[in-house]
Amino acid sequence: MTEQELDADYMRCVFRLDVDNPSLEGHFPGLPVLAGVVQLHWAMLLAAKLGFSAETFHSSPRVKFKMIAQPPLDMQYEIFKKSDGHFSYRLSSASGLHSEGSFS
Protein backbone atom coordinates (compact mmCIF):
# COMPACT_ATOMS: atom_id res chain seq x y z
CA MET A 1 0.00 0.00 0.00
CA THR A 2 1.15 3.49 -0.72
CA GLU A 3 0.45 6.14 1.88
CA GLN A 4 -0.91 9.27 0.27
CA GLU A 5 -1.82 11.30 3.32
CA LEU A 6 -1.13 10.99 7.03
CA ASP A 7 -1.66 13.23 10.02
CA ALA A 8 -2.58 12.66 13.66
CA ASP A 9 -6.26 11.94 12.96
CA TYR A 10 -6.48 10.80 9.35
CA MET A 11 -4.79 8.47 6.90
CA ARG A 12 -5.46 7.80 3.25
CA CYS A 13 -3.80 4.85 1.48
CA VAL A 14 -4.12 4.01 -2.18
CA PHE A 15 -3.31 0.54 -3.53
CA ARG A 16 -3.88 -1.76 -6.47
CA LEU A 17 -5.77 -5.00 -5.84
CA ASP A 18 -4.54 -7.46 -8.47
CA VAL A 19 -5.71 -11.00 -9.18
CA ASP A 20 -2.41 -12.44 -7.92
CA ASN A 21 -2.69 -10.83 -4.46
CA PRO A 22 -1.99 -13.59 -1.86
CA SER A 23 -4.96 -12.43 0.24
CA LEU A 24 -7.31 -13.64 -2.50
CA GLU A 25 -6.11 -17.26 -2.43
CA GLY A 26 -9.01 -19.64 -1.99
CA HIS A 27 -11.64 -16.90 -1.90
CA PHE A 28 -12.97 -17.96 -4.42
CA PRO A 29 -11.30 -20.09 -7.12
CA GLY A 30 -12.20 -18.65 -10.52
CA LEU A 31 -13.96 -15.65 -8.95
CA PRO A 32 -11.50 -13.87 -6.65
CA VAL A 33 -12.95 -11.40 -4.12
CA LEU A 34 -11.38 -9.58 -1.20
CA ALA A 35 -12.77 -11.30 1.89
CA GLY A 36 -14.42 -9.18 4.56
CA VAL A 37 -12.06 -10.47 7.25
CA VAL A 38 -9.10 -9.29 5.13
CA GLN A 39 -10.70 -5.86 4.74
CA LEU A 40 -11.05 -5.59 8.52
CA HIS A 41 -7.53 -6.87 9.14
CA TRP A 42 -6.03 -4.33 6.75
CA ALA A 43 -8.06 -1.54 8.37
CA MET A 44 -6.66 -2.52 11.78
CA LEU A 45 -3.09 -2.63 10.42
CA LEU A 46 -3.49 0.85 8.97
CA ALA A 47 -5.12 2.15 12.15
CA ALA A 48 -2.02 1.02 14.04
CA LYS A 49 -0.15 3.80 12.23
CA LEU A 50 -2.48 6.24 14.02
CA GLY A 51 -1.66 4.67 17.38
CA PHE A 52 -4.29 1.93 17.66
CA SER A 53 -3.45 -1.66 18.50
CA ALA A 54 -5.52 -4.85 18.55
CA GLU A 55 -5.25 -4.89 22.36
CA THR A 56 -7.14 -1.58 22.59
CA PHE A 57 -10.30 -2.88 20.90
CA HIS A 58 -13.00 -3.67 23.45
CA SER A 59 -15.98 -4.47 21.26
CA SER A 60 -16.79 -5.94 17.90
CA PRO A 61 -16.56 -3.69 14.89
CA ARG A 62 -19.67 -2.16 13.37
CA VAL A 63 -19.16 -2.84 9.69
CA LYS A 64 -21.23 -2.58 6.52
CA PHE A 65 -20.11 -4.44 3.42
CA LYS A 66 -21.60 -2.53 0.51
CA MET A 67 -20.02 -3.96 -2.65
CA ILE A 68 -17.78 -6.90 -3.55
CA ALA A 69 -14.14 -5.95 -4.13
CA GLN A 70 -13.15 -7.95 -7.19
CA PRO A 71 -9.75 -7.43 -8.85
CA PRO A 72 -8.30 -5.72 -10.68
CA LEU A 73 -9.17 -2.54 -8.77
CA ASP A 74 -7.44 0.66 -7.71
CA MET A 75 -8.65 1.09 -4.14
CA GLN A 76 -8.26 3.45 -1.23
CA TYR A 77 -8.56 3.14 2.52
CA GLU A 78 -9.42 6.12 4.64
CA ILE A 79 -8.83 5.79 8.38
CA PHE A 80 -10.34 8.37 10.73
CA LYS A 81 -9.44 8.80 14.39
CA LYS A 82 -12.59 9.79 16.28
CA SER A 83 -12.77 12.12 19.28
CA ASP A 84 -14.00 9.29 21.54
CA GLY A 85 -10.76 7.33 21.02
CA HIS A 86 -12.22 4.98 18.41
CA PHE A 87 -11.49 4.81 14.71
CA SER A 88 -13.52 4.33 11.59
CA TYR A 89 -12.58 3.33 8.07
CA ARG A 90 -13.87 3.46 4.50
CA LEU A 91 -12.68 1.22 1.67
CA SER A 92 -13.61 2.49 -1.77
CA SER A 93 -12.71 2.46 -5.46
CA ALA A 94 -13.91 4.27 -8.56
CA SER A 95 -16.83 1.80 -8.50
CA GLY A 96 -17.99 3.17 -5.13
CA LEU A 97 -17.94 2.24 -1.45
CA HIS A 98 -16.95 -1.36 -0.73
CA SER A 99 -17.10 -1.34 3.06
CA GLU A 100 -17.08 0.99 6.02
CA GLY A 101 -17.04 0.56 9.75
CA SER A 102 -15.89 1.67 13.15
CA PHE A 103 -13.93 0.00 15.92
CA SER A 104 -13.79 0.66 19.63
C-alpha atoms as a PDB file:
ATOM      1  CA  MET A   1       0.000   0.000   0.000  1.00  0.00           C
ATOM      2  CA  THR A   2       1.149   3.489  -0.722  1.00  0.00           C
ATOM      3  CA  GLU A   3       0.447   6.143   1.883  1.00  0.00           C
ATOM      4  CA  GLN A   4      -0.909   9.270   0.267  1.00  0.00           C
ATOM      5  CA  GLU A   5      -1.822  11.304   3.318  1.00  0.00           C
ATOM      6  CA  LEU A   6      -1.126  10.988   7.030  1.00  0.00           C
ATOM      7  CA  ASP A   7      -1.660  13.232  10.017  1.00  0.00           C
ATOM      8  CA  ALA A   8      -2.579  12.658  13.657  1.00  0.00           C
ATOM      9  CA  ASP A   9      -6.265  11.938  12.960  1.00  0.00           C
ATOM     10  CA  TYR A  10      -6.478  10.801   9.346  1.00  0.00           C
ATOM     11  CA  MET A  11      -4.792   8.466   6.901  1.00  0.00           C
ATOM     12  CA  ARG A  12      -5.463   7.799   3.247  1.00  0.00           C
ATOM     13  CA  CYS A  13      -3.797   4.852   1.482  1.00  0.00           C
ATOM     14  CA  VAL A  14      -4.121   4.006  -2.184  1.00  0.00           C
ATOM     15  CA  PHE A  15      -3.315   0.545  -3.532  1.00  0.00           C
ATOM     16  CA  ARG A  16      -3.881  -1.756  -6.467  1.00  0.00           C
ATOM     17  CA  LEU A  17      -5.768  -5.003  -5.841  1.00  0.00           C
ATOM     18  CA  ASP A  18      -4.535  -7.456  -8.467  1.00  0.00           C
ATOM     19  CA  VAL A  19      -5.709 -11.002  -9.182  1.00  0.00           C
ATOM     20  CA  ASP A  20      -2.408 -12.444  -7.922  1.00  0.00           C
ATOM     21  CA  ASN A  21      -2.694 -10.830  -4.459  1.00  0.00           C
ATOM     22  CA  PRO A  22      -1.991 -13.589  -1.861  1.00  0.00           C
ATOM     23  CA  SER A  23      -4.964 -12.434   0.242  1.00  0.00           C
ATOM     24  CA  LEU A  24      -7.313 -13.639  -2.498  1.00  0.00           C
ATOM     25  CA  GLU A  25      -6.106 -17.255  -2.432  1.00  0.00           C
ATOM     26  CA  GLY A  26      -9.010 -19.638  -1.987  1.00  0.00           C
ATOM     27  CA  HIS A  27     -11.638 -16.899  -1.897  1.00  0.00           C
ATOM     28  CA  PHE A  28     -12.971 -17.957  -4.422  1.00  0.00           C
ATOM     29  CA  PRO A  29     -11.298 -20.088  -7.122  1.00  0.00           C
ATOM     30  CA  GLY A  30     -12.203 -18.653 -10.517  1.00  0.00           C
ATOM     31  CA  LEU A  31     -13.962 -15.646  -8.953  1.00  0.00           C
ATOM     32  CA  PRO A  32     -11.497 -13.867  -6.649  1.00  0.00           C
ATOM     33  CA  VAL A  33     -12.952 -11.403  -4.123  1.00  0.00           C
ATOM     34  CA  LEU A  34     -11.383  -9.585  -1.199  1.00  0.00           C
ATOM     35  CA  ALA A  35     -12.772 -11.304   1.887  1.00  0.00           C
ATOM     36  CA  GLY A  36     -14.418  -9.183   4.562  1.00  0.00           C
ATOM     37  CA  VAL A  37     -12.063 -10.471   7.249  1.00  0.00           C
ATOM     38  CA  VAL A  38      -9.104  -9.285   5.129  1.00  0.00           C
ATOM     39  CA  GLN A  39     -10.698  -5.858   4.735  1.00  0.00           C
ATOM     40  CA  LEU A  40     -11.046  -5.587   8.521  1.00  0.00           C
ATOM     41  CA  HIS A  41      -7.529  -6.869   9.143  1.00  0.00           C
ATOM     42  CA  TRP A  42      -6.026  -4.333   6.748  1.00  0.00           C
ATOM     43  CA  ALA A  43      -8.058  -1.540   8.367  1.00  0.00           C
ATOM     44  CA  MET A  44      -6.656  -2.520  11.777  1.00  0.00           C
ATOM     45  CA  LEU A  45      -3.094  -2.625  10.421  1.00  0.00           C
ATOM     46  CA  LEU A  46      -3.487   0.850   8.966  1.00  0.00           C
ATOM     47  CA  ALA A  47      -5.117   2.152  12.149  1.00  0.00           C
ATOM     48  CA  ALA A  48      -2.018   1.017  14.040  1.00  0.00           C
ATOM     49  CA  LYS A  49      -0.154   3.803  12.226  1.00  0.00           C
ATOM     50  CA  LEU A  50      -2.485   6.245  14.018  1.00  0.00           C
ATOM     51  CA  GLY A  51      -1.663   4.670  17.384  1.00  0.00           C
ATOM     52  CA  PHE A  52      -4.289   1.933  17.657  1.00  0.00           C
ATOM     53  CA  SER A  53      -3.449  -1.659  18.500  1.00  0.00           C
ATOM     54  CA  ALA A  54      -5.516  -4.851  18.545  1.00  0.00           C
ATOM     55  CA  GLU A  55      -5.251  -4.889  22.356  1.00  0.00           C
ATOM     56  CA  THR A  56      -7.137  -1.576  22.586  1.00  0.00           C
ATOM     57  CA  PHE A  57     -10.301  -2.878  20.903  1.00  0.00           C
ATOM     58  CA  HIS A  58     -13.004  -3.671  23.446  1.00  0.00           C
ATOM     59  CA  SER A  59     -15.979  -4.475  21.257  1.00  0.00           C
ATOM     60  CA  SER A  60     -16.793  -5.943  17.900  1.00  0.00           C
ATOM     61  CA  PRO A  61     -16.559  -3.687  14.893  1.00  0.00           C
ATOM     62  CA  ARG A  62     -19.671  -2.161  13.366  1.00  0.00           C
ATOM     63  CA  VAL A  63     -19.160  -2.839   9.686  1.00  0.00           C
ATOM     64  CA  LYS A  64     -21.232  -2.583   6.522  1.00  0.00           C
ATOM     65  CA  PHE A  65     -20.111  -4.440   3.422  1.00  0.00           C
ATOM     66  CA  LYS A  66     -21.599  -2.528   0.511  1.00  0.00           C
ATOM     67  CA  MET A  67     -20.017  -3.957  -2.653  1.00  0.00           C
ATOM     68  CA  ILE A  68     -17.779  -6.896  -3.555  1.00  0.00           C
ATOM     69  CA  ALA A  69     -14.142  -5.953  -4.125  1.00  0.00           C
ATOM     70  CA  GLN A  70     -13.152  -7.952  -7.187  1.00  0.00           C
ATOM     71  CA  PRO A  71      -9.752  -7.428  -8.852  1.00  0.00           C
ATOM     72  CA  PRO A  72      -8.304  -5.715 -10.683  1.00  0.00           C
ATOM     73  CA  LEU A  73      -9.167  -2.537  -8.772  1.00  0.00           C
ATOM     74  CA  ASP A  74      -7.444   0.658  -7.708  1.00  0.00           C
ATOM     75  CA  MET A  75      -8.653   1.093  -4.140  1.00  0.00           C
ATOM     76  CA  GLN A  76      -8.255   3.446  -1.229  1.00  0.00           C
ATOM     77  CA  TYR A  77      -8.563   3.139   2.520  1.00  0.00           C
ATOM     78  CA  GLU A  78      -9.415   6.120   4.642  1.00  0.00           C
ATOM     79  CA  ILE A  79      -8.827   5.790   8.383  1.00  0.00           C
ATOM     80  CA  PHE A  80     -10.343   8.372  10.734  1.00  0.00           C
ATOM     81  CA  LYS A  81      -9.443   8.805  14.394  1.00  0.00           C
ATOM     82  CA  LYS A  82     -12.592   9.793  16.278  1.00  0.00           C
ATOM     83  CA  SER A  83     -12.768  12.119  19.280  1.00  0.00           C
ATOM     84  CA  ASP A  84     -13.997   9.287  21.538  1.00  0.00           C
ATOM     85  CA  GLY A  85     -10.760   7.326  21.016  1.00  0.00           C
ATOM     86  CA  HIS A  86     -12.218   4.980  18.411  1.00  0.00           C
ATOM     87  CA  PHE A  87     -11.490   4.809  14.710  1.00  0.00           C
ATOM     88  CA  SER A  88     -13.515   4.325  11.589  1.00  0.00           C
ATOM     89  CA  TYR A  89     -12.581   3.333   8.073  1.00  0.00           C
ATOM     90  CA  ARG A  90     -13.865   3.462   4.504  1.00  0.00           C
ATOM     91  CA  LEU A  91     -12.678   1.220   1.672  1.00  0.00           C
ATOM     92  CA  SER A  92     -13.606   2.487  -1.768  1.00  0.00           C
ATOM     93  CA  SER A  93     -12.709   2.464  -5.458  1.00  0.00           C
ATOM     94  CA  ALA A  94     -13.909   4.274  -8.562  1.00  0.00           C
ATOM     95  CA  SER A  95     -16.833   1.804  -8.499  1.00  0.00           C
ATOM     96  CA  GLY A  96     -17.987   3.169  -5.133  1.00  0.00           C
ATOM     97  CA  LEU A  97     -17.935   2.243  -1.452  1.00  0.00           C
ATOM     98  CA  HIS A  98     -16.954  -1.364  -0.734  1.00  0.00           C
ATOM     99  CA  SER A  99     -17.098  -1.342   3.065  1.00  0.00           C
ATOM    100  CA  GLU A 100     -17.078   0.995   6.024  1.00  0.00           C
ATOM    101  CA  GLY A 101     -17.045   0.560   9.753  1.00  0.00           C
ATOM    102  CA  SER A 102     -15.894   1.667  13.152  1.00  0.00           C
ATOM    103  CA  PHE A 103     -13.930   0.000  15.916  1.00  0.00           C
ATOM    104  CA  SER A 104     -13.788   0.660  19.627  1.00  0.00           C
END
